[in-house]
Amino acid sequence: MYLNKKINLMAKEQLKIEELSKEQILDLADAQGRKLGFLLATSSLDDDVKAAIVGILDTATPGQLDILTNMLEEGYLSVKNETLNNFLKSELESIQAEYEDQKIELEANTLEKLDELTKKS
């Protein structure tokens, strides 16, 4: 949490890499590495592909690592959005079914009461 706050602060201030201390650069690299590791671990890529990516990470440039991270993040968000959409769709269908059941019950009760009233008259 502390690290994320630190990174966000640096991003807001739009500091250039030359303006960062060695510790800040190491913190950023650590955070980017953790993010890339998480995204790679949670991706739907085959294990062979994941292993191949890990095998070439040490030769990748920072720009290439950013591109890979962004691609994995887009895939992660896409899957999460699809999961969320499916959950919301299911919930809405459930709510609609419950509403329809209550509507039918209310109509039946209303007709029953109207029938009772007409019999009393």
C-alpha atoms as a PDB file:
ATOM      1  CA  MET A   1       0.000   0.000   0.000  1.00  0.00           C
ATOM      2  CA  TYR A   2       2.796   2.396   0.929  1.00  0.00           C
ATOM      3  CA  LEU A   3       4.572   1.608  -2.319  1.00  0.00           C
ATOM      4  CA  ASN A   4       1.477   2.307  -4.413  1.00  0.00           C
ATOM      5  CA  LYS A   5       1.020   5.673  -2.695  1.00  0.00           C
ATOM      6  CA  LYS A   6       4.648   6.489  -3.391  1.00  0.00           C
ATOM      7  CA  ILE A   7       4.335   5.529  -7.061  1.00  0.00           C
ATOM      8  CA  ASN A   8       1.098   7.484  -7.453  1.00  0.00           C
ATOM      9  CA  LEU A   9       2.716  10.530  -5.874  1.00  0.00           C
ATOM     10  CA  MET A  10       5.653  10.315  -8.263  1.00  0.00           C
ATOM     11  CA  ALA A  11       3.296   9.861 -11.207  1.00  0.00           C
ATOM     12  CA  LYS A  12       1.228  12.902 -10.193  1.00  0.00           C
ATOM     13  CA  GLU A  13       4.357  14.985  -9.927  1.00  0.00           C
ATOM     14  CA  GLN A  14       5.467  13.631 -13.342  1.00  0.00           C
ATOM     15  CA  LEU A  15       9.038  13.220 -12.207  1.00  0.00           C
ATOM     16  CA  LYS A  16      11.629  12.279 -14.788  1.00  0.00           C
ATOM     17  CA  ILE A  17      13.787   9.233 -14.143  1.00  0.00           C
ATOM     18  CA  GLU A  18      16.800  11.505 -13.734  1.00  0.00           C
ATOM     19  CA  GLU A  19      15.052  13.279 -10.852  1.00  0.00           C
ATOM     20  CA  LEU A  20      14.428  10.082  -8.892  1.00  0.00           C
ATOM     21  CA  SER A  21      16.673   8.732  -6.194  1.00  0.00           C
ATOM     22  CA  LYS A  22      18.167   5.270  -6.506  1.00  0.00           C
ATOM     23  CA  GLU A  23      15.721   4.052  -3.853  1.00  0.00           C
ATOM     24  CA  GLN A  24      12.744   5.462  -5.783  1.00  0.00           C
ATOM     25  CA  ILE A  25      13.944   3.821  -8.995  1.00  0.00           C
ATOM     26  CA  LEU A  26      14.327   0.482  -7.203  1.00  0.00           C
ATOM     27  CA  ASP A  27      10.842   0.891  -5.678  1.00  0.00           C
ATOM     28  CA  LEU A  28       9.365   1.558  -9.119  1.00  0.00           C
ATOM     29  CA  ALA A  29      11.192  -1.396 -10.656  1.00  0.00           C
ATOM     30  CA  ASP A  30      10.018  -3.641  -7.808  1.00  0.00           C
ATOM     31  CA  ALA A  31       6.410  -2.487  -8.202  1.00  0.00           C
ATOM     32  CA  GLN A  32       6.507  -2.958 -11.985  1.00  0.00           C
ATOM     33  CA  GLY A  33       8.021  -6.424 -11.528  1.00  0.00           C
ATOM     34  CA  ARG A  34       5.341  -7.432  -9.040  1.00  0.00           C
ATOM     35  CA  LYS A  35       2.626  -6.119 -11.334  1.00  0.00           C
ATOM     36  CA  LEU A  36       4.049  -7.974 -14.329  1.00  0.00           C
ATOM     37  CA  GLY A  37       4.414 -11.156 -12.262  1.00  0.00           C
ATOM     38  CA  PHE A  38       0.837 -10.959 -11.023  1.00  0.00           C
ATOM     39  CA  LEU A  39      -0.554 -10.280 -14.495  1.00  0.00           C
ATOM     40  CA  LEU A  40       1.470 -13.097 -16.029  1.00  0.00           C
ATOM     41  CA  ALA A  41       0.499 -15.554 -13.288  1.00  0.00           C
ATOM     42  CA  THR A  42      -3.207 -14.743 -13.602  1.00  0.00           C
ATOM     43  CA  SER A  43      -3.278 -14.649 -17.405  1.00  0.00           C
ATOM     44  CA  SER A  44      -4.963 -17.382 -19.399  1.00  0.00           C
ATOM     45  CA  LEU A  45      -1.798 -18.006 -21.432  1.00  0.00           C
ATOM     46  CA  ASP A  46      -0.524 -21.568 -21.654  1.00  0.00           C
ATOM     47  CA  ASP A  47       2.179 -22.484 -19.165  1.00  0.00           C
ATOM     48  CA  ASP A  48       4.688 -22.948 -22.040  1.00  0.00           C
ATOM     49  CA  VAL A  49       4.060 -19.373 -23.192  1.00  0.00           C
ATOM     50  CA  LYS A  50       4.367 -18.058 -19.649  1.00  0.00           C
ATOM     51  CA  ALA A  51       7.654 -19.917 -19.232  1.00  0.00           C
ATOM     52  CA  ALA A  52       8.946 -18.536 -22.538  1.00  0.00           C
ATOM     53  CA  ILE A  53       8.046 -14.996 -21.479  1.00  0.00           C
ATOM     54  CA  VAL A  54       9.802 -15.437 -18.143  1.00  0.00           C
ATOM     55  CA  GLY A  55      12.822 -16.756 -20.032  1.00  0.00           C
ATOM     56  CA  ILE A  56      13.210 -13.593 -22.083  1.00  0.00           C
ATOM     57  CA  LEU A  57      12.333 -11.010 -19.433  1.00  0.00           C
ATOM     58  CA  ASP A  58      15.934 -10.349 -18.438  1.00  0.00           C
ATOM     59  CA  THR A  59      16.810  -9.350 -22.020  1.00  0.00           C
ATOM     60  CA  ALA A  60      13.770  -7.110 -22.553  1.00  0.00           C
ATOM     61  CA  THR A  61      14.070  -3.340 -22.576  1.00  0.00           C
ATOM     62  CA  PRO A  62      11.995  -1.240 -20.169  1.00  0.00           C
ATOM     63  CA  GLY A  63       9.820  -0.205 -23.118  1.00  0.00           C
ATOM     64  CA  GLN A  64       9.213  -3.824 -24.085  1.00  0.00           C
ATOM     65  CA  LEU A  65       8.365  -4.650 -20.479  1.00  0.00           C
ATOM     66  CA  ASP A  66       5.860  -1.778 -20.434  1.00  0.00           C
ATOM     67  CA  ILE A  67       4.252  -3.040 -23.644  1.00  0.00           C
ATOM     68  CA  LEU A  68       4.024  -6.586 -22.255  1.00  0.00           C
ATOM     69  CA  THR A  69       2.606  -5.322 -18.972  1.00  0.00           C
ATOM     70  CA  ASN A  70       0.005  -3.220 -20.790  1.00  0.00           C
ATOM     71  CA  MET A  71      -1.018  -6.153 -22.991  1.00  0.00           C
ATOM     72  CA  LEU A  72      -1.388  -8.467 -19.998  1.00  0.00           C
ATOM     73  CA  GLU A  73      -3.283  -5.787 -18.075  1.00  0.00           C
ATOM     74  CA  GLU A  74      -5.739  -5.324 -20.951  1.00  0.00           C
ATOM     75  CA  GLY A  75      -6.339  -9.083 -21.017  1.00  0.00           C
ATOM     76  CA  TYR A  76      -6.776  -9.181 -17.238  1.00  0.00           C
ATOM     77  CA  LEU A  77      -9.264  -6.313 -17.266  1.00  0.00           C
ATOM     78  CA  SER A  78     -11.135  -7.821 -20.199  1.00  0.00           C
ATOM     79  CA  VAL A  79     -11.593 -11.112 -18.340  1.00  0.00           C
ATOM     80  CA  LYS A  80     -12.606  -9.304 -15.143  1.00  0.00           C
ATOM     81  CA  ASN A  81     -15.105  -7.154 -17.064  1.00  0.00           C
ATOM     82  CA  GLU A  82     -16.578 -10.235 -18.731  1.00  0.00           C
ATOM     83  CA  THR A  83     -16.875 -11.967 -15.352  1.00  0.00           C
ATOM     84  CA  LEU A  84     -18.520  -8.887 -13.855  1.00  0.00           C
ATOM     85  CA  ASN A  85     -20.896  -8.556 -16.824  1.00  0.00           C
ATOM     86  CA  ASN A  86     -21.918 -12.197 -16.506  1.00  0.00           C
ATOM     87  CA  PHE A  87     -22.499 -11.784 -12.762  1.00  0.00           C
ATOM     88  CA  LEU A  88     -24.577  -8.627 -13.261  1.00  0.00           C
ATOM     89  CA  LYS A  89     -26.575 -10.255 -16.061  1.00  0.00           C
ATOM     90  CA  SER A  90     -27.328 -13.219 -13.814  1.00  0.00           C
ATOM     91  CA  GLU A  91     -28.354 -10.937 -10.940  1.00  0.00           C
ATOM     92  CA  LEU A  92     -30.620  -8.870 -13.190  1.00  0.00           C
ATOM     93  CA  GLU A  93     -32.259 -12.001 -14.577  1.00  0.00           C
ATOM     94  CA  SER A  94     -32.841 -13.221 -11.031  1.00  0.00           C
ATOM     95  CA  ILE A  95     -34.363  -9.889 -10.002  1.00  0.00           C
ATOM     96  CA  GLN A  96     -36.570  -9.845 -13.095  1.00  0.00           C
ATOM     97  CA  ALA A  97     -37.777 -13.408 -12.427  1.00  0.00           C
ATOM     98  CA  GLU A  98     -38.588 -12.485  -8.812  1.00  0.00           C
ATOM     99  CA  TYR A  99     -40.442  -9.376 -10.012  1.00  0.00           C
ATOM    100  CA  GLU A 100     -42.455 -11.436 -12.498  1.00  0.00           C
ATOM    101  CA  ASP A 101     -43.364 -13.967  -9.784  1.00  0.00           C
ATOM    102  CA  GLN A 102     -44.493 -11.191  -7.443  1.00  0.00           C
ATOM    103  CA  LYS A 103     -46.452  -9.548 -10.251  1.00  0.00           C
ATOM    104  CA  ILE A 104     -48.294 -12.789 -11.029  1.00  0.00           C
ATOM    105  CA  GLU A 105     -49.020 -13.352  -7.319  1.00  0.00           C
ATOM    106  CA  LEU A 106     -50.286  -9.781  -6.919  1.00  0.00           C
ATOM    107  CA  GLU A 107     -52.535 -10.096  -9.979  1.00  0.00           C
ATOM    108  CA  ALA A 108     -53.929 -13.379  -8.666  1.00  0.00           C
ATOM    109  CA  ASN A 109     -54.589 -11.862  -5.234  1.00  0.00           C
ATOM    110  CA  THR A 110     -56.216  -8.814  -6.806  1.00  0.00           C
ATOM    111  CA  LEU A 111     -58.477 -10.950  -8.981  1.00  0.00           C
ATOM    112  CA  GLU A 112     -59.371 -13.101  -5.977  1.00  0.00           C
ATOM    113  CA  LYS A 113     -60.324 -10.058  -3.897  1.00  0.00           C
ATOM    114  CA  LEU A 114     -62.313  -8.568  -6.784  1.00  0.00           C
ATOM    115  CA  ASP A 115     -64.117 -11.887  -7.175  1.00  0.00           C
ATOM    116  CA  GLU A 116     -64.944 -11.892  -3.423  1.00  0.00           C
ATOM    117  CA  LEU A 117     -66.257  -8.336  -3.671  1.00  0.00           C
ATOM    118  CA  THR A 118     -68.484  -9.143  -6.647  1.00  0.00           C
ATOM    119  CA  LYS A 119     -69.887 -12.208  -4.848  1.00  0.00           C
ATOM    120  CA  LYS A 120     -70.790 -10.086  -1.811  1.00  0.00           C
ATOM    121  CA  SER A 121     -72.666  -7.585  -3.956  1.00  0.00           C
END
